[in-house]
PDB file of all heavy atoms in Angstrom:
ATOM      1  N   ILE A   1       0.855  -1.185   0.000  1.00  0.00           N
ATOM      2  CA  ILE A   1       0.000   0.000   0.000  1.00  0.00           C
ATOM      3  C   ILE A   1       0.891   1.235   0.000  1.00  0.00           C
ATOM      4  O   ILE A   1       1.834   1.324   0.805  1.00  0.00           O
ATOM      5  CB  ILE A   1      -0.921   0.023   1.240  1.00  0.00           C
ATOM      6  CG1 ILE A   1      -1.807  -1.213   1.278  1.00  0.00           C
ATOM      7  CG2 ILE A   1      -1.760   1.296   1.253  1.00  0.00           C
ATOM      8  CD1 ILE A   1      -2.604  -1.360   2.565  1.00  0.00           C
ATOM      9  N   HIS A   2       0.631   2.169  -0.905  1.00  0.00           N
ATOM     10  CA  HIS A   2       1.398   3.408  -0.973  1.00  0.00           C
ATOM     11  C   HIS A   2       0.473   4.589  -0.699  1.00  0.00           C
ATOM     12  O   HIS A   2      -0.617   4.675  -1.269  1.00  0.00           O
ATOM     13  CB  HIS A   2       2.059   3.560  -2.349  1.00  0.00           C
ATOM     14  CG  HIS A   2       3.027   2.472  -2.659  1.00  0.00           C
ATOM     15  ND1 HIS A   2       2.799   1.521  -3.630  1.00  0.00           N
ATOM     16  CD2 HIS A   2       4.228   2.150  -2.102  1.00  0.00           C
ATOM     17  CE1 HIS A   2       3.809   0.678  -3.683  1.00  0.00           C
ATOM     18  NE2 HIS A   2       4.697   1.042  -2.757  1.00  0.00           N
ATOM     19  N   LYS A   3       0.926   5.497   0.160  1.00  0.00           N
ATOM     20  CA  LYS A   3       0.125   6.670   0.497  1.00  0.00           C
ATOM     21  C   LYS A   3       0.488   7.828  -0.428  1.00  0.00           C
ATOM     22  O   LYS A   3       1.652   8.153  -0.616  1.00  0.00           O
ATOM     23  CB  LYS A   3       0.353   7.069   1.955  1.00  0.00           C
ATOM     24  CG  LYS A   3      -0.597   8.167   2.436  1.00  0.00           C
ATOM     25  CD  LYS A   3      -0.505   8.370   3.940  1.00  0.00           C
ATOM     26  CE  LYS A   3      -1.529   9.399   4.412  1.00  0.00           C
ATOM     27  NZ  LYS A   3      -1.510   9.582   5.874  1.00  0.00           N
ATOM     28  N   HIS A   4      -0.527   8.462  -1.003  1.00  0.00           N
ATOM     29  CA  HIS A   4      -0.325   9.570  -1.931  1.00  0.00           C
ATOM     30  C   HIS A   4      -0.785  10.902  -1.347  1.00  0.00           C
ATOM     31  O   HIS A   4      -0.665  11.935  -2.012  1.00  0.00           O
ATOM     32  CB  HIS A   4      -1.079   9.305  -3.232  1.00  0.00           C
ATOM     33  CG  HIS A   4      -0.585   8.110  -3.982  1.00  0.00           C
ATOM     34  ND1 HIS A   4       0.294   8.194  -5.047  1.00  0.00           N
ATOM     35  CD2 HIS A   4      -0.823   6.783  -3.815  1.00  0.00           C
ATOM     36  CE1 HIS A   4       0.562   6.993  -5.508  1.00  0.00           C
ATOM     37  NE2 HIS A   4      -0.098   6.108  -4.768  1.00  0.00           N
ATOM     38  N   GLY A   5      -1.312  10.888  -0.165  1.00  0.00           N
ATOM     39  CA  GLY A   5      -1.818  12.096   0.467  1.00  0.00           C
ATOM     40  C   GLY A   5      -2.882  11.721   1.475  1.00  0.00           C
ATOM     41  O   GLY A   5      -3.157  10.534   1.703  1.00  0.00           O
ATOM     42  N   GLU A   6      -3.489  12.721   2.084  1.00  0.00           N
ATOM     43  CA  GLU A   6      -4.520  12.453   3.066  1.00  0.00           C
ATOM     44  C   GLU A   6      -5.700  11.708   2.436  1.00  0.00           C
ATOM     45  O   GLU A   6      -6.253  12.149   1.422  1.00  0.00           O
ATOM     46  CB  GLU A   6      -5.012  13.761   3.689  1.00  0.00           C
ATOM     47  CG  GLU A   6      -5.992  13.552   4.830  1.00  0.00           C
ATOM     48  CD  GLU A   6      -6.485  14.850   5.433  1.00  0.00           C
ATOM     49  OE1 GLU A   6      -6.119  15.926   4.914  1.00  0.00           O
ATOM     50  OE2 GLU A   6      -7.234  14.796   6.421  1.00  0.00           O
ATOM     51  N   LYS A   7      -6.035  10.570   2.994  1.00  0.00           N
ATOM     52  CA  LYS A   7      -7.163   9.753   2.532  1.00  0.00           C
ATOM     53  C   LYS A   7      -6.999   9.271   1.090  1.00  0.00           C
ATOM     54  O   LYS A   7      -7.988   8.983   0.415  1.00  0.00           O
ATOM     55  CB  LYS A   7      -8.490  10.516   2.663  1.00  0.00           C
ATOM     56  CG  LYS A   7      -8.824  10.981   4.067  1.00  0.00           C
ATOM     57  CD  LYS A   7     -10.160  11.707   4.090  1.00  0.00           C
ATOM     58  CE  LYS A   7     -10.492  12.231   5.467  1.00  0.00           C
ATOM     59  NZ  LYS A   7     -11.786  12.940   5.496  1.00  0.00           N
ATOM     60  N   ARG A   8      -5.760   9.149   0.619  1.00  0.00           N
ATOM     61  CA  ARG A   8      -5.527   8.762  -0.777  1.00  0.00           C
ATOM     62  C   ARG A   8      -4.393   7.731  -0.839  1.00  0.00           C
ATOM     63  O   ARG A   8      -3.255   8.027  -0.476  1.00  0.00           O
ATOM     64  CB  ARG A   8      -5.183   9.989  -1.607  1.00  0.00           C
ATOM     65  CG  ARG A   8      -5.108   9.735  -3.099  1.00  0.00           C
ATOM     66  CD  ARG A   8      -4.855  11.032  -3.866  1.00  0.00           C
ATOM     67  NE  ARG A   8      -4.763  10.782  -5.281  1.00  0.00           N
ATOM     68  CZ  ARG A   8      -5.790  10.700  -6.109  1.00  0.00           C
ATOM     69  NH1 ARG A   8      -7.013  10.891  -5.631  1.00  0.00           N
ATOM     70  NH2 ARG A   8      -5.630  10.450  -7.389  1.00  0.00           N
ATOM     71  N   TYR A   9      -4.722   6.505  -1.311  1.00  0.00           N
ATOM     72  CA  TYR A   9      -3.784   5.401  -1.326  1.00  0.00           C
ATOM     73  C   TYR A   9      -3.864   4.623  -2.637  1.00  0.00           C
ATOM     74  O   TYR A   9      -4.896   4.633  -3.314  1.00  0.00           O
ATOM     75  CB  TYR A   9      -4.082   4.424  -0.177  1.00  0.00           C
ATOM     76  CG  TYR A   9      -4.018   5.024   1.199  1.00  0.00           C
ATOM     77  CD1 TYR A   9      -5.103   5.747   1.714  1.00  0.00           C
ATOM     78  CD2 TYR A   9      -2.901   4.869   2.003  1.00  0.00           C
ATOM     79  CE1 TYR A   9      -5.049   6.301   2.988  1.00  0.00           C
ATOM     80  CE2 TYR A   9      -2.841   5.414   3.282  1.00  0.00           C
ATOM     81  CZ  TYR A   9      -3.925   6.129   3.767  1.00  0.00           C
ATOM     82  OH  TYR A   9      -3.868   6.672   5.016  1.00  0.00           O
ATOM     83  N   SER A  10      -2.777   3.929  -2.948  1.00  0.00           N
ATOM     84  CA  SER A  10      -2.794   2.979  -4.067  1.00  0.00           C
ATOM     85  C   SER A  10      -2.307   1.624  -3.576  1.00  0.00           C
ATOM     86  O   SER A  10      -1.582   1.520  -2.583  1.00  0.00           O
ATOM     87  CB  SER A  10      -1.914   3.468  -5.225  1.00  0.00           C
ATOM     88  OG  SER A  10      -0.547   3.452  -4.862  1.00  0.00           O
ATOM     89  N   VAL A  11      -2.721   0.577  -4.286  1.00  0.00           N
ATOM     90  CA  VAL A  11      -2.339  -0.806  -3.989  1.00  0.00           C
ATOM     91  C   VAL A  11      -1.754  -1.410  -5.259  1.00  0.00           C
ATOM     92  O   VAL A  11      -2.320  -1.242  -6.353  1.00  0.00           O
ATOM     93  CB  VAL A  11      -3.569  -1.627  -3.535  1.00  0.00           C
ATOM     94  CG1 VAL A  11      -3.212  -3.097  -3.370  1.00  0.00           C
ATOM     95  CG2 VAL A  11      -4.131  -1.066  -2.232  1.00  0.00           C
ATOM     96  N   ASP A  12      -0.633  -2.108  -5.146  1.00  0.00           N
ATOM     97  CA  ASP A  12      -0.014  -2.697  -6.339  1.00  0.00           C
ATOM     98  C   ASP A  12      -0.666  -4.043  -6.658  1.00  0.00           C
ATOM     99  O   ASP A  12      -0.009  -5.082  -6.725  1.00  0.00           O
ATOM    100  CB  ASP A  12       1.501  -2.831  -6.172  1.00  0.00           C
ATOM    101  CG  ASP A  12       1.906  -3.791  -5.065  1.00  0.00           C
ATOM    102  OD1 ASP A  12       1.077  -4.065  -4.164  1.00  0.00           O
ATOM    103  OD2 ASP A  12       3.056  -4.279  -5.099  1.00  0.00           O
ATOM    104  N   GLY A  13      -1.972  -4.003  -6.862  1.00  0.00           N
ATOM    105  CA  GLY A  13      -2.728  -5.209  -7.169  1.00  0.00           C
ATOM    106  C   GLY A  13      -3.969  -4.881  -7.966  1.00  0.00           C
ATOM    107  O   GLY A  13      -4.036  -3.861  -8.652  1.00  0.00           O
ATOM    108  N   THR A  14      -4.957  -5.724  -7.859  1.00  0.00           N
ATOM    109  CA  THR A  14      -6.187  -5.619  -8.636  1.00  0.00           C
ATOM    110  C   THR A  14      -7.210  -4.722  -7.942  1.00  0.00           C
ATOM    111  O   THR A  14      -7.029  -4.353  -6.773  1.00  0.00           O
ATOM    112  CB  THR A  14      -6.813  -7.008  -8.821  1.00  0.00           C
ATOM    113  OG1 THR A  14      -7.271  -7.476  -7.530  1.00  0.00           O
ATOM    114  CG2 THR A  14      -5.815  -8.015  -9.397  1.00  0.00           C
ATOM    115  N   PRO A  15      -8.304  -4.376  -8.623  1.00  0.00           N
ATOM    116  CA  PRO A  15      -9.376  -3.637  -7.953  1.00  0.00           C
ATOM    117  C   PRO A  15      -9.928  -4.374  -6.728  1.00  0.00           C
ATOM    118  O   PRO A  15     -10.225  -3.751  -5.703  1.00  0.00           O
ATOM    119  CB  PRO A  15     -10.432  -3.502  -9.052  1.00  0.00           C
ATOM    120  CG  PRO A  15      -9.663  -3.540 -10.320  1.00  0.00           C
ATOM    121  CD  PRO A  15      -8.551  -4.515 -10.066  1.00  0.00           C
ATOM    122  N   THR A  16     -10.051  -5.682  -6.836  1.00  0.00           N
ATOM    123  CA  THR A  16     -10.526  -6.480  -5.704  1.00  0.00           C
ATOM    124  C   THR A  16      -9.563  -6.372  -4.530  1.00  0.00           C
ATOM    125  O   THR A  16      -9.972  -6.200  -3.373  1.00  0.00           O
ATOM    126  CB  THR A  16     -10.697  -7.953  -6.120  1.00  0.00           C
ATOM    127  OG1 THR A  16     -11.577  -8.023  -7.239  1.00  0.00           O
ATOM    128  CG2 THR A  16     -11.264  -8.778  -4.980  1.00  0.00           C
ATOM    129  N   ASP A  17      -8.251  -6.476  -4.817  1.00  0.00           N
ATOM    130  CA  ASP A  17      -7.243  -6.301  -3.776  1.00  0.00           C
ATOM    131  C   ASP A  17      -7.392  -4.936  -3.109  1.00  0.00           C
ATOM    132  O   ASP A  17      -7.293  -4.813  -1.879  1.00  0.00           O
ATOM    133  CB  ASP A  17      -5.828  -6.374  -4.375  1.00  0.00           C
ATOM    134  CG  ASP A  17      -5.478  -7.725  -4.961  1.00  0.00           C
ATOM    135  OD1 ASP A  17      -5.993  -8.741  -4.467  1.00  0.00           O
ATOM    136  OD2 ASP A  17      -4.680  -7.756  -5.913  1.00  0.00           O
ATOM    137  N   SER A  18      -7.609  -3.912  -3.924  1.00  0.00           N
ATOM    138  CA  SER A  18      -7.678  -2.543  -3.418  1.00  0.00           C
ATOM    139  C   SER A  18      -8.821  -2.371  -2.433  1.00  0.00           C
ATOM    140  O   SER A  18      -8.659  -1.776  -1.361  1.00  0.00           O
ATOM    141  CB  SER A  18      -7.830  -1.563  -4.588  1.00  0.00           C
ATOM    142  OG  SER A  18      -6.719  -1.628  -5.453  1.00  0.00           O
ATOM    143  N   VAL A  19      -9.991  -2.883  -2.791  1.00  0.00           N
ATOM    144  CA  VAL A  19     -11.148  -2.748  -1.902  1.00  0.00           C
ATOM    145  C   VAL A  19     -10.965  -3.592  -0.652  1.00  0.00           C
ATOM    146  O   VAL A  19     -11.284  -3.161   0.469  1.00  0.00           O
ATOM    147  CB  VAL A  19     -12.444  -3.121  -2.650  1.00  0.00           C
ATOM    148  CG1 VAL A  19     -13.635  -3.167  -1.695  1.00  0.00           C
ATOM    149  CG2 VAL A  19     -12.713  -2.119  -3.768  1.00  0.00           C
ATOM    150  N   LEU A  20     -10.433  -4.788  -0.814  1.00  0.00           N
ATOM    151  CA  LEU A  20     -10.202  -5.668   0.335  1.00  0.00           C
ATOM    152  C   LEU A  20      -9.238  -5.027   1.333  1.00  0.00           C
ATOM    153  O   LEU A  20      -9.488  -5.016   2.546  1.00  0.00           O
ATOM    154  CB  LEU A  20      -9.657  -7.011  -0.146  1.00  0.00           C
ATOM    155  CG  LEU A  20      -9.411  -8.082   0.930  1.00  0.00           C
ATOM    156  CD1 LEU A  20     -10.713  -8.508   1.579  1.00  0.00           C
ATOM    157  CD2 LEU A  20      -8.695  -9.277   0.337  1.00  0.00           C
ATOM    158  N   LEU A  21      -8.136  -4.471   0.842  1.00  0.00           N
ATOM    159  CA  LEU A  21      -7.162  -3.840   1.729  1.00  0.00           C
ATOM    160  C   LEU A  21      -7.694  -2.526   2.293  1.00  0.00           C
ATOM    161  O   LEU A  21      -7.362  -2.160   3.434  1.00  0.00           O
ATOM    162  CB  LEU A  21      -5.848  -3.607   0.988  1.00  0.00           C
ATOM    163  CG  LEU A  21      -5.029  -4.865   0.693  1.00  0.00           C
ATOM    164  CD1 LEU A  21      -3.755  -4.509  -0.052  1.00  0.00           C
ATOM    165  CD2 LEU A  21      -4.683  -5.612   1.972  1.00  0.00           C
ATOM    166  N   ALA A  22      -8.494  -1.832   1.521  1.00  0.00           N
ATOM    167  CA  ALA A  22      -9.105  -0.609   2.040  1.00  0.00           C
ATOM    168  C   ALA A  22      -9.977  -0.910   3.244  1.00  0.00           C
ATOM    169  O   ALA A  22      -9.893  -0.247   4.287  1.00  0.00           O
ATOM    170  CB  ALA A  22      -9.935   0.067   0.945  1.00  0.00           C
ATOM    171  N   MET A  23     -10.805  -1.928   3.115  1.00  0.00           N
ATOM    172  CA  MET A  23     -11.740  -2.285   4.182  1.00  0.00           C
ATOM    173  C   MET A  23     -11.033  -2.858   5.415  1.00  0.00           C
ATOM    174  O   MET A  23     -11.362  -2.508   6.548  1.00  0.00           O
ATOM    175  CB  MET A  23     -12.732  -3.335   3.670  1.00  0.00           C
ATOM    176  CG  MET A  23     -13.596  -2.849   2.532  1.00  0.00           C
ATOM    177  SD  MET A  23     -15.016  -1.927   3.124  1.00  0.00           S
ATOM    178  CE  MET A  23     -16.112  -2.173   1.734  1.00  0.00           C
ATOM    179  N   ASN A  24     -10.068  -3.737   5.164  1.00  0.00           N
ATOM    180  CA  ASN A  24      -9.486  -4.497   6.267  1.00  0.00           C
ATOM    181  C   ASN A  24      -8.185  -3.929   6.813  1.00  0.00           C
ATOM    182  O   ASN A  24      -7.658  -4.445   7.804  1.00  0.00           O
ATOM    183  CB  ASN A  24      -9.257  -5.950   5.828  1.00  0.00           C
ATOM    184  CG  ASN A  24     -10.568  -6.673   5.590  1.00  0.00           C
ATOM    185  OD1 ASN A  24     -11.578  -6.353   6.198  1.00  0.00           O
ATOM    186  ND2 ASN A  24     -10.558  -7.642   4.695  1.00  0.00           N
ATOM    187  N   GLU A  25      -7.662  -2.868   6.169  1.00  0.00           N
ATOM    188  CA  GLU A  25      -6.428  -2.262   6.661  1.00  0.00           C
ATOM    189  C   GLU A  25      -6.532  -0.744   6.713  1.00  0.00           C
ATOM    190  O   GLU A  25      -6.529  -0.147   7.789  1.00  0.00           O
ATOM    191  CB  GLU A  25      -5.239  -2.687   5.789  1.00  0.00           C
ATOM    192  CG  GLU A  25      -3.908  -2.105   6.231  1.00  0.00           C
ATOM    193  CD  GLU A  25      -3.529  -2.469   7.649  1.00  0.00           C
ATOM    194  OE1 GLU A  25      -3.869  -3.588   8.105  1.00  0.00           O
ATOM    195  OE2 GLU A  25      -2.876  -1.632   8.324  1.00  0.00           O
ATOM    196  N   VAL A  26      -6.644  -0.113   5.564  1.00  0.00           N
ATOM    197  CA  VAL A  26      -6.616   1.356   5.521  1.00  0.00           C
ATOM    198  C   VAL A  26      -7.753   1.967   6.337  1.00  0.00           C
ATOM    199  O   VAL A  26      -7.560   2.934   7.077  1.00  0.00           O
ATOM    200  CB  VAL A  26      -6.676   1.850   4.061  1.00  0.00           C
ATOM    201  CG1 VAL A  26      -6.718   3.376   4.010  1.00  0.00           C
ATOM    202  CG2 VAL A  26      -5.480   1.338   3.267  1.00  0.00           C
ATOM    203  N   MET A  27      -8.952   1.401   6.225  1.00  0.00           N
ATOM    204  CA  MET A  27     -10.138   1.971   6.870  1.00  0.00           C
ATOM    205  C   MET A  27     -10.714   1.035   7.931  1.00  0.00           C
ATOM    206  O   MET A  27     -11.900   1.108   8.250  1.00  0.00           O
ATOM    207  CB  MET A  27     -11.204   2.283   5.808  1.00  0.00           C
ATOM    208  CG  MET A  27     -10.699   3.183   4.685  1.00  0.00           C
ATOM    209  SD  MET A  27     -11.909   3.422   3.361  1.00  0.00           S
ATOM    210  CE  MET A  27     -13.085   4.505   4.162  1.00  0.00           C
ATOM    211  N   LYS A  28      -9.881   0.174   8.482  1.00  0.00           N
ATOM    212  CA  LYS A  28     -10.384  -0.875   9.376  1.00  0.00           C
ATOM    213  C   LYS A  28     -11.018  -0.320  10.653  1.00  0.00           C
ATOM    214  O   LYS A  28     -11.887  -0.955  11.244  1.00  0.00           O
ATOM    215  CB  LYS A  28      -9.268  -1.849   9.733  1.00  0.00           C
ATOM    216  CG  LYS A  28      -8.099  -1.230  10.487  1.00  0.00           C
ATOM    217  CD  LYS A  28      -7.010  -2.272  10.726  1.00  0.00           C
ATOM    218  CE  LYS A  28      -5.819  -1.658  11.452  1.00  0.00           C
ATOM    219  NZ  LYS A  28      -4.729  -2.666  11.641  1.00  0.00           N
ATOM    220  N   ASP A  29     -10.601   0.865  11.078  1.00  0.00           N
ATOM    221  CA  ASP A  29     -11.152   1.437  12.307  1.00  0.00           C
ATOM    222  C   ASP A  29     -12.468   2.172  12.091  1.00  0.00           C
ATOM    223  O   ASP A  29     -13.195   2.452  13.053  1.00  0.00           O
ATOM    224  CB  ASP A  29     -10.136   2.399  12.939  1.00  0.00           C
ATOM    225  CG  ASP A  29      -8.882   1.681  13.406  1.00  0.00           C
ATOM    226  OD1 ASP A  29      -8.993   0.507  13.806  1.00  0.00           O
ATOM    227  OD2 ASP A  29      -7.795   2.282  13.343  1.00  0.00           O
ATOM    228  N   HIS A  30     -12.763   2.504  10.850  1.00  0.00           N
ATOM    229  CA  HIS A  30     -14.012   3.190  10.517  1.00  0.00           C
ATOM    230  C   HIS A  30     -14.320   2.906   9.052  1.00  0.00           C
ATOM    231  O   HIS A  30     -13.922   3.656   8.161  1.00  0.00           O
ATOM    232  CB  HIS A  30     -13.887   4.697  10.764  1.00  0.00           C
ATOM    233  CG  HIS A  30     -15.155   5.447  10.564  1.00  0.00           C
ATOM    234  ND1 HIS A  30     -15.279   6.787  10.843  1.00  0.00           N
ATOM    235  CD2 HIS A  30     -16.389   5.056  10.095  1.00  0.00           C
ATOM    236  CE1 HIS A  30     -16.509   7.192  10.558  1.00  0.00           C
ATOM    237  NE2 HIS A  30     -17.183   6.155  10.106  1.00  0.00           N
ATOM    238  N   LYS A  31     -15.022   1.828   8.814  1.00  0.00           N
ATOM    239  CA  LYS A  31     -15.259   1.374   7.443  1.00  0.00           C
ATOM    240  C   LYS A  31     -16.259   2.283   6.714  1.00  0.00           C
ATOM    241  O   LYS A  31     -17.049   2.999   7.341  1.00  0.00           O
ATOM    242  CB  LYS A  31     -15.741  -0.075   7.461  1.00  0.00           C
ATOM    243  CG  LYS A  31     -14.665  -1.024   7.974  1.00  0.00           C
ATOM    244  CD  LYS A  31     -15.044  -2.477   7.824  1.00  0.00           C
ATOM    245  CE  LYS A  31     -13.916  -3.369   8.308  1.00  0.00           C
ATOM    246  NZ  LYS A  31     -14.212  -4.810   8.146  1.00  0.00           N
ATOM    247  N   PRO A  32     -16.233   2.251   5.392  1.00  0.00           N
ATOM    248  CA  PRO A  32     -17.112   3.133   4.616  1.00  0.00           C
ATOM    249  C   PRO A  32     -18.578   2.696   4.677  1.00  0.00           C
ATOM    250  O   PRO A  32     -18.886   1.531   4.936  1.00  0.00           O
ATOM    251  CB  PRO A  32     -16.568   3.006   3.190  1.00  0.00           C
ATOM    252  CG  PRO A  32     -15.943   1.648   3.152  1.00  0.00           C
ATOM    253  CD  PRO A  32     -15.349   1.446   4.521  1.00  0.00           C
ATOM    254  N   ASP A  33     -19.447   3.655   4.416  1.00  0.00           N
ATOM    255  CA  ASP A  33     -20.881   3.383   4.326  1.00  0.00           C
ATOM    256  C   ASP A  33     -21.301   3.098   2.890  1.00  0.00           C
ATOM    257  O   ASP A  33     -22.370   2.535   2.645  1.00  0.00           O
ATOM    258  CB  ASP A  33     -21.673   4.595   4.835  1.00  0.00           C
ATOM    259  CG  ASP A  33     -21.291   4.959   6.258  1.00  0.00           C
ATOM    260  OD1 ASP A  33     -21.617   4.175   7.166  1.00  0.00           O
ATOM    261  OD2 ASP A  33     -20.650   6.010   6.454  1.00  0.00           O
ATOM    262  N   LEU A  34     -20.444   3.499   1.938  1.00  0.00           N
ATOM    263  CA  LEU A  34     -20.750   3.351   0.518  1.00  0.00           C
ATOM    264  C   LEU A  34     -19.448   3.249  -0.250  1.00  0.00           C
ATOM    265  O   LEU A  34     -18.470   3.920   0.076  1.00  0.00           O
ATOM    266  CB  LEU A  34     -21.546   4.559   0.017  1.00  0.00           C
ATOM    267  CG  LEU A  34     -21.853   4.644  -1.485  1.00  0.00           C
ATOM    268  CD1 LEU A  34     -22.839   3.552  -1.898  1.00  0.00           C
ATOM    269  CD2 LEU A  34     -22.407   6.031  -1.837  1.00  0.00           C
ATOM    270  N   VAL A  35     -19.435   2.385  -1.284  1.00  0.00           N
ATOM    271  CA  VAL A  35     -18.283   2.287  -2.173  1.00  0.00           C
ATOM    272  C   VAL A  35     -18.721   2.655  -3.584  1.00  0.00           C
ATOM    273  O   VAL A  35     -19.734   2.156  -4.090  1.00  0.00           O
ATOM    274  CB  VAL A  35     -17.674   0.864  -2.165  1.00  0.00           C
ATOM    275  CG1 VAL A  35     -16.595   0.740  -3.229  1.00  0.00           C
ATOM    276  CG2 VAL A  35     -17.099   0.545  -0.786  1.00  0.00           C
ATOM    277  N   LEU A  36     -17.945   3.550  -4.212  1.00  0.00           N
ATOM    278  CA  LEU A  36     -18.162   3.941  -5.606  1.00  0.00           C
ATOM    279  C   LEU A  36     -16.949   3.496  -6.407  1.00  0.00           C
ATOM    280  O   LEU A  36     -15.805   3.739  -5.993  1.00  0.00           O
ATOM    281  CB  LEU A  36     -18.338   5.452  -5.730  1.00  0.00           C
ATOM    282  CG  LEU A  36     -19.467   6.089  -4.920  1.00  0.00           C
ATOM    283  CD1 LEU A  36     -19.437   7.601  -5.087  1.00  0.00           C
ATOM    284  CD2 LEU A  36     -20.819   5.534  -5.353  1.00  0.00           C
ATOM    285  N   SER A  37     -17.171   2.858  -7.543  1.00  0.00           N
ATOM    286  CA  SER A  37     -16.079   2.376  -8.378  1.00  0.00           C
ATOM    287  C   SER A  37     -16.169   3.007  -9.764  1.00  0.00           C
ATOM    288  O   SER A  37     -17.231   3.030 -10.370  1.00  0.00           O
ATOM    289  CB  SER A  37     -16.141   0.848  -8.484  1.00  0.00           C
ATOM    290  OG  SER A  37     -15.108   0.367  -9.324  1.00  0.00           O
ATOM    291  N   GLY A  38     -15.047   3.520 -10.266  1.00  0.00           N
ATOM    292  CA  GLY A  38     -15.040   4.141 -11.593  1.00  0.00           C
ATOM    293  C   GLY A  38     -14.344   5.499 -11.551  1.00  0.00           C
ATOM    294  O   GLY A  38     -13.455   5.691 -10.742  1.00  0.00           O
ATOM    295  N   VAL A  39     -14.753   6.463 -12.337  1.00  0.00           N
ATOM    296  CA  VAL A  39     -15.634   6.249 -13.479  1.00  0.00           C
ATOM    297  C   VAL A  39     -14.796   5.592 -14.570  1.00  0.00           C
ATOM    298  O   VAL A  39     -13.774   6.147 -14.985  1.00  0.00           O
ATOM    299  CB  VAL A  39     -16.230   7.562 -13.991  1.00  0.00           C
ATOM    300  CG1 VAL A  39     -17.035   7.331 -15.252  1.00  0.00           C
ATOM    301  CG2 VAL A  39     -17.069   8.255 -12.938  1.00  0.00           C
ATOM    302  N   ASN A  40     -15.215   4.429 -15.021  1.00  0.00           N
ATOM    303  CA  ASN A  40     -14.427   3.676 -15.982  1.00  0.00           C
ATOM    304  C   ASN A  40     -14.368   4.372 -17.331  1.00  0.00           C
ATOM    305  O   ASN A  40     -15.341   4.966 -17.792  1.00  0.00           O
ATOM    306  CB  ASN A  40     -15.014   2.279 -16.174  1.00  0.00           C
ATOM    307  CG  ASN A  40     -14.084   1.375 -16.962  1.00  0.00           C
ATOM    308  OD1 ASN A  40     -12.988   1.068 -16.514  1.00  0.00           O
ATOM    309  ND2 ASN A  40     -14.509   0.965 -18.153  1.00  0.00           N
ATOM    310  N   ARG A  41     -13.211   4.304 -17.969  1.00  0.00           N
ATOM    311  CA  ARG A  41     -13.038   4.837 -19.325  1.00  0.00           C
ATOM    312  C   ARG A  41     -13.544   3.791 -20.318  1.00  0.00           C
ATOM    313  O   ARG A  41     -12.819   2.915 -20.768  1.00  0.00           O
ATOM    314  CB  ARG A  41     -11.571   5.172 -19.582  1.00  0.00           C
ATOM    315  CG  ARG A  41     -11.303   5.877 -20.908  1.00  0.00           C
ATOM    316  CD  ARG A  41      -9.834   6.263 -21.015  1.00  0.00           C
ATOM    317  NE  ARG A  41      -9.548   6.957 -22.257  1.00  0.00           N
ATOM    318  CZ  ARG A  41      -9.266   6.373 -23.417  1.00  0.00           C
ATOM    319  NH1 ARG A  41      -9.234   5.044 -23.474  1.00  0.00           N
ATOM    320  NH2 ARG A  41      -9.022   7.081 -24.507  1.00  0.00           N
ATOM    321  N   GLY A  42     -14.825   3.868 -20.634  1.00  0.00           N
ATOM    322  CA  GLY A  42     -15.470   2.879 -21.477  1.00  0.00           C
ATOM    323  C   GLY A  42     -16.628   2.240 -20.751  1.00  0.00           C
ATOM    324  O   GLY A  42     -16.649   2.178 -19.513  1.00  0.00           O
TER     325      GLY A  42
END
């Protein structure tokens, strides 16, 4: 996990990895109420 700024991170893996690590590590103390994915190019 790499931190790019306040509340902004990247994961060197897949989208699934990113959400999994967000929930269980980055935001584990206060999980999100909603997840938005995109906006996809296409």
